[in-house]
Amino acid sequence: MLLQQGMSRLGTESAFEVLARANALAAQGKSIINLGIGQPDFKTPAHIVEAACKALRDGHHGYTPANGLPQLREAVAADLNRRHGVAVDPAQVVVVPGGKVTMFFAILMFGEPGAEIIYPNPGFPIYESAINFTGAKAVPLPLLEKNGFGFSAEDLLSRITPRTRLIIINSPANPTGGVTADAEMKKLVAGLEKHPDIVVMSDEIYSEILYEGRKHLSLLTFESMRDRTIMLDGWSKTYAMTGWRMGYAVWPGKLAELATRLAINCHSCVNAAAQFAGLAALTGPKDDVATMCKAFDERRRFVVDALNKLPGVSCVDALGAFYVFPNIQGTGMSAKQMEAGLLSDAGVATIAGTSFGAHGEGYIRISYANSLENIAESMKRMEKWLVEKGVGAKQKAPVA
């Protein structure tokens, strides 16, 4: 059997593998607390669910336009104007079944042998996987603990070569919870003026989950970047709609037409009822979103404090998303050893930092999209396990 060569380069998303192992252990009767999977533990708000049910009752059972319902794309444009103060043409909006589709489309458009794509590392694993699949060179942009896991514009710009086609940025970030400073974003935009042919895919899926008074600075707000920014966002995180598979992107110029053509070739269109749910999310009340973010903030503060009390572990604060990325170098264990031991021995599911790239060694990802009670119990289990493993008094690991 002769497969296309790219198949051998295609990676995976380890969070789902850990989830499967955790579920298998739970099925055997073991008590498992899942701090691995990156999805809100809240239900989709009732008015959004009802909108989908009503759409089905009203007979919306057929195909929709490949780029999304017109009224949904208009609502996306209006929402972006409300949140970021930018005017977006609904014709530039392409609705897709989940954020990964936008990533894949963008990387397919620009990735091929001889091309280079810069991506965050540690970062969402699909970036590197999809780049490798196309045959392009994946150029990692290290995200460092000393910078709060935000990117350095100077470092990013230094990695540009004549072969660079696409740059991927993600803030607030998965897996670290890091938020890039506004000043660095502005430096990046200024530096890219020397590279007018390079396109940027800005993954802003966590843009409404920020803490300590932070406001999101979208790349769309920079006039000079409008014609070469692919802005990725969606419903899964903000509205607890991961299983609805709803995402969108704002594409520049003719790229929206190409993205729509890829959609036609790939999935035809997005589920009709889900789109009506997405419309209700954008146009309806936001009380549930505020409640969820408030709960995440409480958990964030608790888990950072608790992790910093564990032997061999340290954790910088996270300013966005619902992840922390504690430094485990003081334990003497690798990221994979920590992940495996915590799950099998302590019943706590976490994700090794190396699942998000080579620069994730020495860290694990913890999702605090779980109840405060479960998070507290997981910290007790982790402490007990570390002590049993002989990790002594609290040791501060050096900041990378």
Protein backbone atom coordinates (compact mmCIF):
# COMPACT_ATOMS: atom_id res chain seq x y z
CA MET A 1 0.00 0.00 0.00
CA LEU A 2 1.58 3.26 -1.16
CA LEU A 3 0.41 6.23 0.89
CA GLN A 4 1.00 9.89 0.21
CA GLN A 5 4.30 10.74 1.92
CA GLY A 6 2.77 13.45 4.08
CA MET A 7 0.77 10.85 6.00
CA SER A 8 3.94 9.66 7.71
CA ARG A 9 4.55 13.20 8.92
CA LEU A 10 1.07 13.79 10.29
CA GLY A 11 0.99 14.04 14.08
CA THR A 12 -1.87 13.94 16.56
CA GLU A 13 -3.28 15.74 19.57
CA SER A 14 -2.13 13.97 22.72
CA ALA A 15 -4.91 15.42 24.89
CA PHE A 16 -7.33 13.02 23.24
CA GLU A 17 -4.98 10.07 23.78
CA VAL A 18 -4.67 10.92 27.47
CA LEU A 19 -8.46 11.31 27.65
CA ALA A 20 -8.87 7.81 26.22
CA ARG A 21 -6.43 6.35 28.76
CA ALA A 22 -8.11 8.24 31.58
CA ASN A 23 -11.54 6.98 30.50
CA ALA A 24 -10.23 3.40 30.30
CA LEU A 25 -8.87 3.62 33.85
CA ALA A 26 -12.13 5.13 35.07
CA ALA A 27 -14.04 2.28 33.42
CA GLN A 28 -11.93 -0.11 35.51
CA GLY A 29 -13.10 1.64 38.66
CA LYS A 30 -10.12 3.92 39.28
CA SER A 31 -10.86 7.44 40.51
CA ILE A 32 -9.64 9.86 37.83
CA ILE A 33 -9.61 13.66 37.91
CA ASN A 34 -9.19 15.00 34.40
CA LEU A 35 -7.06 18.12 34.17
CA GLY A 36 -5.99 17.23 30.66
CA ILE A 37 -8.72 17.97 28.16
CA GLY A 38 -9.10 21.55 27.01
CA GLN A 39 -12.81 22.17 27.07
CA PRO A 40 -15.07 24.12 29.44
CA ASP A 41 -16.84 21.99 32.03
CA PHE A 42 -19.93 24.17 31.66
CA LYS A 43 -22.95 23.32 29.57
CA THR A 44 -23.82 25.32 26.47
CA PRO A 45 -26.20 28.12 27.59
CA ALA A 46 -29.87 27.14 27.34
CA HIS A 47 -30.89 29.84 24.86
CA ILE A 48 -28.23 28.62 22.43
CA VAL A 49 -29.41 25.01 22.69
CA GLU A 50 -33.00 26.13 22.18
CA ALA A 51 -32.03 28.04 19.03
CA ALA A 52 -30.68 24.85 17.50
CA CYS A 53 -33.77 22.88 18.50
CA LYS A 54 -36.03 25.56 17.04
CA ALA A 55 -34.04 25.52 13.79
CA LEU A 56 -34.65 21.80 13.49
CA ARG A 57 -38.33 22.16 14.30
CA ASP A 58 -38.59 24.94 11.73
CA GLY A 59 -37.25 22.66 9.03
CA HIS A 60 -33.66 23.86 8.62
CA HIS A 61 -32.43 20.42 7.58
CA GLY A 62 -30.65 21.12 4.30
CA TYR A 63 -27.40 22.43 2.93
CA THR A 64 -26.29 25.96 3.74
CA PRO A 65 -23.85 28.22 1.85
CA ALA A 66 -20.33 26.83 1.98
CA ASN A 67 -19.02 29.91 3.78
CA GLY A 68 -21.88 30.02 6.31
CA LEU A 69 -25.36 31.44 6.64
CA PRO A 70 -25.42 35.11 5.56
CA GLN A 71 -27.07 36.22 8.82
CA LEU A 72 -24.44 34.36 10.84
CA ARG A 73 -21.56 35.97 8.95
CA GLU A 74 -23.20 39.35 9.48
CA ALA A 75 -23.49 38.60 13.20
CA VAL A 76 -19.80 37.65 13.33
CA ALA A 77 -18.87 40.94 11.68
CA ALA A 78 -21.07 42.87 14.12
CA ASP A 79 -19.60 41.02 17.10
CA LEU A 80 -16.04 41.77 15.99
CA ASN A 81 -16.96 45.42 15.61
CA ARG A 82 -18.43 45.42 19.12
CA ARG A 83 -15.41 43.71 20.68
CA HIS A 84 -12.52 45.12 18.68
CA GLY A 85 -13.90 48.26 17.06
CA VAL A 86 -13.07 47.05 13.55
CA ALA A 87 -15.28 47.04 10.46
CA VAL A 88 -15.34 43.57 8.91
CA ASP A 89 -16.99 42.75 5.59
CA PRO A 90 -19.20 39.67 6.14
CA ALA A 91 -17.96 38.42 2.77
CA GLN A 92 -14.54 37.91 4.40
CA VAL A 93 -15.99 35.62 7.08
CA VAL A 94 -15.90 31.87 6.46
CA VAL A 95 -17.70 29.65 8.99
CA VAL A 96 -16.17 26.20 9.39
CA PRO A 97 -16.69 23.10 11.59
CA GLY A 98 -14.19 24.01 14.31
CA GLY A 99 -11.04 26.10 14.60
CA LYS A 100 -8.77 23.33 13.32
CA VAL A 101 -10.31 23.64 9.86
CA THR A 102 -9.12 27.23 9.55
CA MET A 103 -5.64 26.16 10.67
CA PHE A 104 -5.54 23.37 8.13
CA PHE A 105 -6.84 25.56 5.29
CA ALA A 106 -4.31 28.31 6.02
CA ILE A 107 -1.38 25.92 6.28
CA LEU A 108 -2.44 24.08 3.10
CA MET A 109 -2.57 27.40 1.24
CA PHE A 110 0.98 28.37 2.13
CA GLY A 111 2.77 25.15 3.00
CA GLU A 112 4.75 23.17 0.44
CA PRO A 113 8.30 21.82 0.09
CA GLY A 114 10.74 24.74 0.13
CA ALA A 115 8.42 27.01 2.13
CA GLU A 116 8.83 27.89 5.80
CA ILE A 117 6.12 28.51 8.38
CA ILE A 118 6.86 29.97 11.81
CA TYR A 119 4.74 28.64 14.67
CA PRO A 120 4.70 28.90 18.50
CA ASN A 121 6.44 26.16 20.47
CA PRO A 122 5.14 25.03 22.91
CA GLY A 123 1.94 25.52 20.99
CA PHE A 124 -1.22 23.83 19.80
CA PRO A 125 0.11 20.57 18.31
CA ILE A 126 -1.92 20.76 15.10
CA TYR A 127 0.18 23.70 13.90
CA GLU A 128 3.37 21.67 13.65
CA SER A 129 1.57 18.54 12.50
CA ALA A 130 -0.17 20.25 9.58
CA ILE A 131 2.99 22.12 8.55
CA ASN A 132 4.93 18.87 8.42
CA PHE A 133 2.13 17.26 6.42
CA THR A 134 2.48 19.84 3.65
CA GLY A 135 6.22 19.30 3.38
CA ALA A 136 7.02 22.84 4.46
CA LYS A 137 9.71 23.48 7.08
CA ALA A 138 8.21 24.06 10.53
CA VAL A 139 10.21 26.84 12.21
CA PRO A 140 9.56 26.89 15.97
CA LEU A 141 9.19 30.15 17.86
CA PRO A 142 10.16 29.33 21.47
CA LEU A 143 7.74 30.67 24.08
CA LEU A 144 9.71 31.21 27.28
CA GLU A 145 8.63 31.13 30.89
CA LYS A 146 10.65 34.25 31.66
CA ASN A 147 8.40 36.14 29.20
CA GLY A 148 5.21 34.78 30.74
CA PHE A 149 5.03 32.50 27.67
CA GLY A 150 4.25 35.46 25.43
CA PHE A 151 6.26 35.71 22.22
CA SER A 152 9.12 38.13 21.66
CA ALA A 153 8.60 40.17 18.49
CA GLU A 154 12.36 40.58 18.06
CA ASP A 155 12.87 36.82 18.28
CA LEU A 156 10.03 36.12 15.87
CA LEU A 157 11.24 38.65 13.29
CA SER A 158 14.77 37.22 13.48
CA ARG A 159 13.45 33.87 12.27
CA ILE A 160 12.06 35.24 9.00
CA THR A 161 13.89 34.17 5.85
CA PRO A 162 13.14 34.64 2.14
CA ARG A 163 11.30 31.30 2.32
CA THR A 164 8.89 32.35 5.08
CA ARG A 165 5.30 32.25 3.80
CA LEU A 166 3.17 32.19 6.94
CA ILE A 167 3.53 33.12 10.61
CA ILE A 168 1.23 31.61 13.24
CA ILE A 169 0.63 33.42 16.53
CA ASN A 170 -1.70 32.49 19.39
CA SER A 171 -2.61 34.79 22.28
CA PRO A 172 -4.08 33.99 24.77
CA ALA A 173 -2.21 30.76 24.25
CA ASN A 174 -2.74 27.05 24.47
CA PRO A 175 -1.03 25.28 26.28
CA THR A 176 0.53 27.93 28.50
CA GLY A 177 -2.21 30.45 29.25
CA GLY A 178 0.32 33.09 28.25
CA VAL A 179 -0.73 36.44 26.82
CA THR A 180 1.59 38.40 24.57
CA ALA A 181 2.08 42.00 25.68
CA ASP A 182 0.50 44.71 23.54
CA ALA A 183 3.94 46.27 23.08
CA GLU A 184 5.26 43.08 21.48
CA MET A 185 2.26 42.91 19.14
CA LYS A 186 2.95 46.48 18.02
CA LYS A 187 6.65 45.69 17.50
CA LEU A 188 5.70 42.69 15.39
CA VAL A 189 3.37 44.75 13.20
CA ALA A 190 6.06 47.42 12.73
CA GLY A 191 8.67 44.79 11.87
CA LEU A 192 6.43 43.08 9.34
CA GLU A 193 6.32 46.26 7.27
CA LYS A 194 9.65 45.07 5.85
CA HIS A 195 8.06 41.75 4.83
CA PRO A 196 4.88 42.70 2.94
CA ASP A 197 4.34 39.27 1.35
CA ILE A 198 4.16 37.30 4.59
CA VAL A 199 0.70 36.35 5.88
CA VAL A 200 -0.10 35.93 9.58
CA MET A 201 -2.62 33.50 11.01
CA SER A 202 -3.66 34.91 14.38
CA ASP A 203 -5.36 32.26 16.52
CA GLU A 204 -7.60 34.28 18.84
CA ILE A 205 -9.94 31.50 19.98
CA TYR A 206 -9.39 32.41 23.67
CA SER A 207 -9.75 36.17 23.15
CA GLU A 208 -12.70 36.51 25.53
CA ILE A 209 -11.10 34.53 28.36
CA LEU A 210 -8.72 37.02 29.96
CA TYR A 211 -7.95 37.98 33.56
CA GLU A 212 -6.77 40.82 35.76
CA GLY A 213 -8.42 43.44 33.61
CA ARG A 214 -6.59 42.49 30.43
CA LYS A 215 -8.19 43.48 27.12
CA HIS A 216 -7.54 41.54 23.96
CA LEU A 217 -5.61 43.28 21.18
CA SER A 218 -6.66 41.68 17.90
CA LEU A 219 -4.31 41.77 14.95
CA LEU A 220 -7.30 42.99 12.93
CA THR A 221 -7.11 46.34 14.70
CA PHE A 222 -3.90 47.18 12.81
CA GLU A 223 -4.79 48.75 9.48
CA SER A 224 -1.49 47.68 7.90
CA MET A 225 -2.26 44.02 8.68
CA ARG A 226 -5.84 43.83 7.39
CA ASP A 227 -4.90 42.55 3.93
CA ARG A 228 -2.65 39.76 5.24
CA THR A 229 -4.17 38.56 8.48
CA ILE A 230 -6.19 35.37 8.85
CA MET A 231 -7.97 35.86 12.17
CA LEU A 232 -9.21 32.61 13.71
CA ASP A 233 -11.96 32.60 16.32
CA GLY A 234 -15.09 30.63 17.15
CA TRP A 235 -17.66 29.47 19.64
CA SER A 236 -16.12 26.40 21.29
CA LYS A 237 -14.31 28.02 24.23
CA THR A 238 -16.26 31.23 24.87
CA TYR A 239 -19.70 29.62 24.74
CA ALA A 240 -18.82 26.08 25.93
CA MET A 241 -19.64 24.67 22.49
CA THR A 242 -16.72 22.33 21.79
CA GLY A 243 -18.93 19.50 20.56
CA TRP A 244 -20.95 21.74 18.25
CA ARG A 245 -17.88 22.12 15.99
CA MET A 246 -18.25 25.79 15.18
CA GLY A 247 -15.45 28.12 14.18
CA TYR A 248 -14.82 30.96 11.80
CA ALA A 249 -12.07 33.06 10.33
CA VAL A 250 -11.80 36.50 8.80
CA TRP A 251 -9.78 36.06 5.62
CA PRO A 252 -8.09 38.84 3.66
CA GLY A 253 -9.10 39.64 0.07
CA LYS A 254 -9.22 36.71 -2.32
CA LEU A 255 -8.19 34.24 0.38
CA ALA A 256 -11.83 34.16 1.53
CA GLU A 257 -12.79 32.81 -1.91
CA LEU A 258 -10.04 30.20 -1.71
CA ALA A 259 -11.08 29.18 1.80
CA THR A 260 -14.67 28.79 0.57
CA ARG A 261 -13.43 26.64 -2.30
CA LEU A 262 -11.53 24.45 0.15
CA ALA A 263 -14.69 24.18 2.25
CA ILE A 264 -16.66 22.99 -0.78
CA ASN A 265 -14.03 20.35 -1.48
CA CYS A 266 -13.71 19.32 2.17
CA HIS A 267 -17.00 19.46 4.09
CA SER A 268 -19.55 21.20 1.82
CA CYS A 269 -20.98 23.34 4.62
CA VAL A 270 -21.44 23.52 8.38
CA ASN A 271 -24.36 21.85 10.16
CA ALA A 272 -27.41 24.09 9.72
CA ALA A 273 -28.83 23.84 13.24
CA ALA A 274 -25.41 24.50 14.78
CA GLN A 275 -25.17 27.73 12.81
CA PHE A 276 -28.48 28.94 14.24
CA ALA A 277 -27.06 28.12 17.67
CA GLY A 278 -24.00 30.18 16.84
CA LEU A 279 -26.21 33.06 15.78
CA ALA A 280 -28.04 32.95 19.11
CA ALA A 281 -24.72 32.92 20.95
CA LEU A 282 -23.52 36.09 19.27
CA THR A 283 -26.79 38.01 19.44
CA GLY A 284 -28.15 36.77 22.78
CA PRO A 285 -27.29 37.45 26.43
CA LYS A 286 -23.69 37.02 27.61
CA ASP A 287 -24.44 36.37 31.30
CA ASP A 288 -23.36 32.74 31.12
CA VAL A 289 -20.04 33.70 29.51
CA ALA A 290 -19.32 36.15 32.33
CA THR A 291 -20.22 33.52 34.95
CA MET A 292 -17.93 30.95 33.33
CA CYS A 293 -15.00 33.36 33.10
CA LYS A 294 -15.44 34.39 36.73
CA ALA A 295 -15.29 30.72 37.78
CA PHE A 296 -12.19 30.16 35.64
CA ASP A 297 -10.50 33.14 37.28
CA GLU A 298 -11.16 31.76 40.76
CA ARG A 299 -9.77 28.37 39.76
CA ARG A 300 -6.76 29.97 38.08
CA ARG A 301 -5.73 31.82 41.21
CA PHE A 302 -6.23 28.71 43.33
CA VAL A 303 -4.29 26.33 41.08
CA VAL A 304 -1.32 28.67 40.60
CA ASP A 305 -0.99 29.09 44.35
CA ALA A 306 -1.38 25.35 44.97
CA LEU A 307 1.17 24.36 42.33
CA ASN A 308 3.75 26.72 43.77
CA LYS A 309 3.47 24.86 47.08
CA LEU A 310 4.23 21.45 45.54
CA PRO A 311 7.76 20.03 45.90
CA GLY A 312 9.83 20.43 42.77
CA VAL A 313 7.16 22.46 40.98
CA SER A 314 6.82 26.16 40.17
CA CYS A 315 4.18 27.97 38.15
CA VAL A 316 4.05 31.47 36.68
CA ASP A 317 0.69 33.17 36.55
CA ALA A 318 -1.51 32.73 33.49
CA LEU A 319 -3.39 35.70 32.11
CA GLY A 320 -5.71 33.99 29.63
CA ALA A 321 -7.44 30.79 28.47
CA PHE A 322 -7.95 28.06 31.11
CA TYR A 323 -4.50 26.48 31.28
CA VAL A 324 -1.39 26.75 33.40
CA PHE A 325 2.01 25.39 32.39
CA PRO A 326 3.92 24.53 35.57
CA ASN A 327 7.65 24.01 35.54
CA ILE A 328 8.47 20.49 36.81
CA GLN A 329 12.24 20.52 36.34
CA GLY A 330 12.76 20.45 40.10
CA THR A 331 11.16 17.00 40.28
CA GLY A 332 13.91 15.37 38.23
CA MET A 333 11.29 13.81 35.96
CA SER A 334 10.66 14.32 32.27
CA ALA A 335 7.33 15.67 31.10
CA LYS A 336 6.19 12.27 29.82
CA GLN A 337 7.26 10.54 33.05
CA MET A 338 5.24 13.07 35.02
CA GLU A 339 2.19 12.67 32.79
CA ALA A 340 2.28 8.86 32.96
CA GLY A 341 2.93 8.64 36.71
CA LEU A 342 0.28 11.16 37.70
CA LEU A 343 -2.34 9.34 35.67
CA SER A 344 -1.52 5.74 36.60
CA ASP A 345 -0.51 6.26 40.25
CA ALA A 346 -2.31 9.42 41.39
CA GLY A 347 -5.37 9.33 39.15
CA VAL A 348 -4.73 12.84 37.81
CA ALA A 349 -4.78 13.37 34.06
CA THR A 350 -2.40 16.07 32.79
CA ILE A 351 -0.61 16.58 29.46
CA ALA A 352 3.16 16.45 29.01
CA GLY A 353 4.61 19.72 27.78
CA THR A 354 6.38 17.85 24.97
CA SER A 355 2.97 17.06 23.48
CA PHE A 356 3.01 20.74 22.45
CA GLY A 357 6.51 20.72 20.99
CA ALA A 358 10.12 20.12 21.97
CA HIS A 359 10.29 23.38 23.93
CA GLY A 360 7.64 22.00 26.28
CA GLU A 361 10.10 19.64 27.97
CA GLY A 362 10.26 20.33 31.68
CA TYR A 363 6.60 21.35 31.87
CA ILE A 364 3.12 19.86 31.99
CA ARG A 365 -0.17 21.40 30.95
CA ILE A 366 -2.98 21.57 33.47
CA SER A 367 -6.46 22.58 32.40
CA TYR A 368 -8.50 24.13 35.20
CA ALA A 369 -11.73 23.55 33.29
CA ASN A 370 -12.86 21.37 36.17
CA SER A 371 -14.57 22.06 39.48
CA LEU A 372 -12.68 23.81 42.27
CA GLU A 373 -13.35 20.77 44.45
CA ASN A 374 -11.76 18.42 41.93
CA ILE A 375 -8.81 20.73 41.38
CA ALA A 376 -8.18 20.89 45.14
CA GLU A 377 -8.31 17.10 45.39
CA SER A 378 -5.95 16.73 42.42
CA MET A 379 -3.39 19.02 44.09
CA LYS A 380 -3.49 16.83 47.22
CA ARG A 381 -2.97 13.73 45.10
CA MET A 382 -0.09 15.32 43.23
CA GLU A 383 1.61 16.36 46.47
CA LYS A 384 1.24 12.88 47.96
CA TRP A 385 2.61 11.25 44.81
CA LEU A 386 5.59 13.60 44.57
CA VAL A 387 6.52 12.96 48.19
CA GLU A 388 6.23 9.21 47.62
CA LYS A 389 8.53 9.59 44.63
CA GLY A 390 11.13 11.17 46.86
CA VAL A 391 10.85 14.73 45.63
CA GLY A 392 12.03 16.61 48.68
CA ALA A 393 11.44 20.06 50.08
CA LYS A 394 10.24 22.73 47.71
CA GLN A 395 12.89 23.48 45.09
CA LYS A 396 12.48 26.41 42.75
CA ALA A 397 13.34 25.36 39.22
CA PRO A 398 15.29 27.93 37.20
CA VAL A 399 13.19 30.07 34.89
CA ALA A 400 13.84 29.03 31.29
